[in-house]
Amino acid sequence: MKTILALLGVFALIILFPLIGVLAGAFVGWVVGLFFEETVMGFFARAGFDTAGYAMWQLGAALGFVSAFFANRTSQIEND
């Protein structure tokens, strides 16, 4: 029974960490967009990304989702 609960806990964390990353990224993107929207959008445009039609909170949410996966993998690599 403990094994099943542990597996359910692990699966819940696998689902929750990316969702938390999305929410945190959206909030931080919104706050950064209040002050530096032109700078950030200009950077992405020069890097070759088409950011027309996207708000800063949307870019933050996307980056938060992607970084949730990289953060987990990076911490595993460092511990090995």
Protein backbone atom coordinates (compact mmCIF):
# COMPACT_ATOMS: atom_id res chain seq x y z
CA MET A 1 0.00 0.00 0.00
CA LYS A 2 2.88 2.38 0.79
CA THR A 3 4.36 1.72 -2.64
CA ILE A 4 1.13 2.60 -4.38
CA LEU A 5 0.80 5.81 -2.38
CA ALA A 6 4.41 6.69 -3.12
CA LEU A 7 3.88 6.14 -6.85
CA LEU A 8 0.71 8.24 -6.79
CA GLY A 9 2.65 10.97 -4.99
CA VAL A 10 5.41 10.88 -7.59
CA PHE A 11 2.90 11.07 -10.45
CA ALA A 12 1.13 13.97 -8.72
CA LEU A 13 4.43 15.85 -8.43
CA ILE A 14 5.27 15.16 -12.07
CA ILE A 15 1.98 16.80 -13.01
CA LEU A 16 2.11 19.60 -10.43
CA PHE A 17 5.65 20.88 -11.06
CA PRO A 18 5.01 21.91 -14.68
CA LEU A 19 1.70 23.50 -13.68
CA ILE A 20 3.39 25.46 -10.91
CA GLY A 21 6.06 26.48 -13.44
CA VAL A 22 3.37 27.75 -15.80
CA LEU A 23 1.66 29.80 -13.09
CA ALA A 24 4.93 31.22 -11.78
CA GLY A 25 6.15 31.96 -15.31
CA ALA A 26 2.92 33.72 -16.22
CA PHE A 27 3.07 35.88 -13.10
CA VAL A 28 6.74 36.76 -13.52
CA GLY A 29 6.21 37.42 -17.23
CA TRP A 30 3.38 39.79 -16.41
CA VAL A 31 5.46 41.66 -13.80
CA VAL A 32 8.49 41.88 -16.11
CA GLY A 33 6.20 43.02 -18.92
CA LEU A 34 5.07 45.96 -16.83
CA PHE A 35 8.58 47.40 -16.91
CA PHE A 36 10.61 45.77 -19.70
CA GLU A 37 8.16 44.59 -22.37
CA GLU A 38 9.85 46.37 -25.27
CA THR A 39 13.29 45.16 -24.23
CA VAL A 40 12.26 41.52 -23.86
CA MET A 41 10.18 41.48 -27.05
CA GLY A 42 13.05 43.14 -28.92
CA PHE A 43 15.45 40.49 -27.66
CA PHE A 44 13.18 37.65 -28.80
CA ALA A 45 12.68 39.34 -32.17
CA ARG A 46 16.45 39.66 -32.68
CA ALA A 47 16.89 36.04 -31.62
CA GLY A 48 14.58 35.05 -34.47
CA PHE A 49 11.33 34.39 -32.62
CA ASP A 50 8.09 35.85 -33.93
CA THR A 51 6.49 37.32 -30.80
CA ALA A 52 3.76 39.29 -32.58
CA GLY A 53 0.41 38.69 -30.94
CA TYR A 54 1.81 37.29 -27.70
CA ALA A 55 1.64 39.00 -24.35
CA MET A 56 4.46 38.85 -21.84
CA TRP A 57 2.49 36.62 -19.48
CA GLN A 58 2.04 34.10 -22.33
CA LEU A 59 5.77 34.01 -23.04
CA GLY A 60 6.44 33.68 -19.32
CA ALA A 61 3.99 30.80 -19.03
CA ALA A 62 5.62 28.99 -21.96
CA LEU A 63 9.11 29.50 -20.55
CA GLY A 64 7.92 28.41 -17.10
CA PHE A 65 6.47 25.20 -18.53
CA VAL A 66 9.67 24.34 -20.39
CA SER A 67 11.92 25.25 -17.46
CA ALA A 68 9.96 22.97 -15.12
CA PHE A 69 11.23 20.00 -17.10
CA PHE A 70 14.81 21.25 -17.39
CA ALA A 71 15.02 22.06 -13.68
CA ASN A 72 14.13 18.49 -12.75
CA ARG A 73 16.59 16.96 -15.19
CA THR A 74 19.40 19.30 -14.19
CA SER A 75 19.07 18.49 -10.50
CA GLN A 76 19.17 14.76 -11.28
CA ILE A 77 22.33 15.13 -13.36
CA GLU A 78 24.11 17.10 -10.62
CA ASN A 79 23.27 14.49 -7.99
CA ASP A 80 24.66 11.59 -10.02
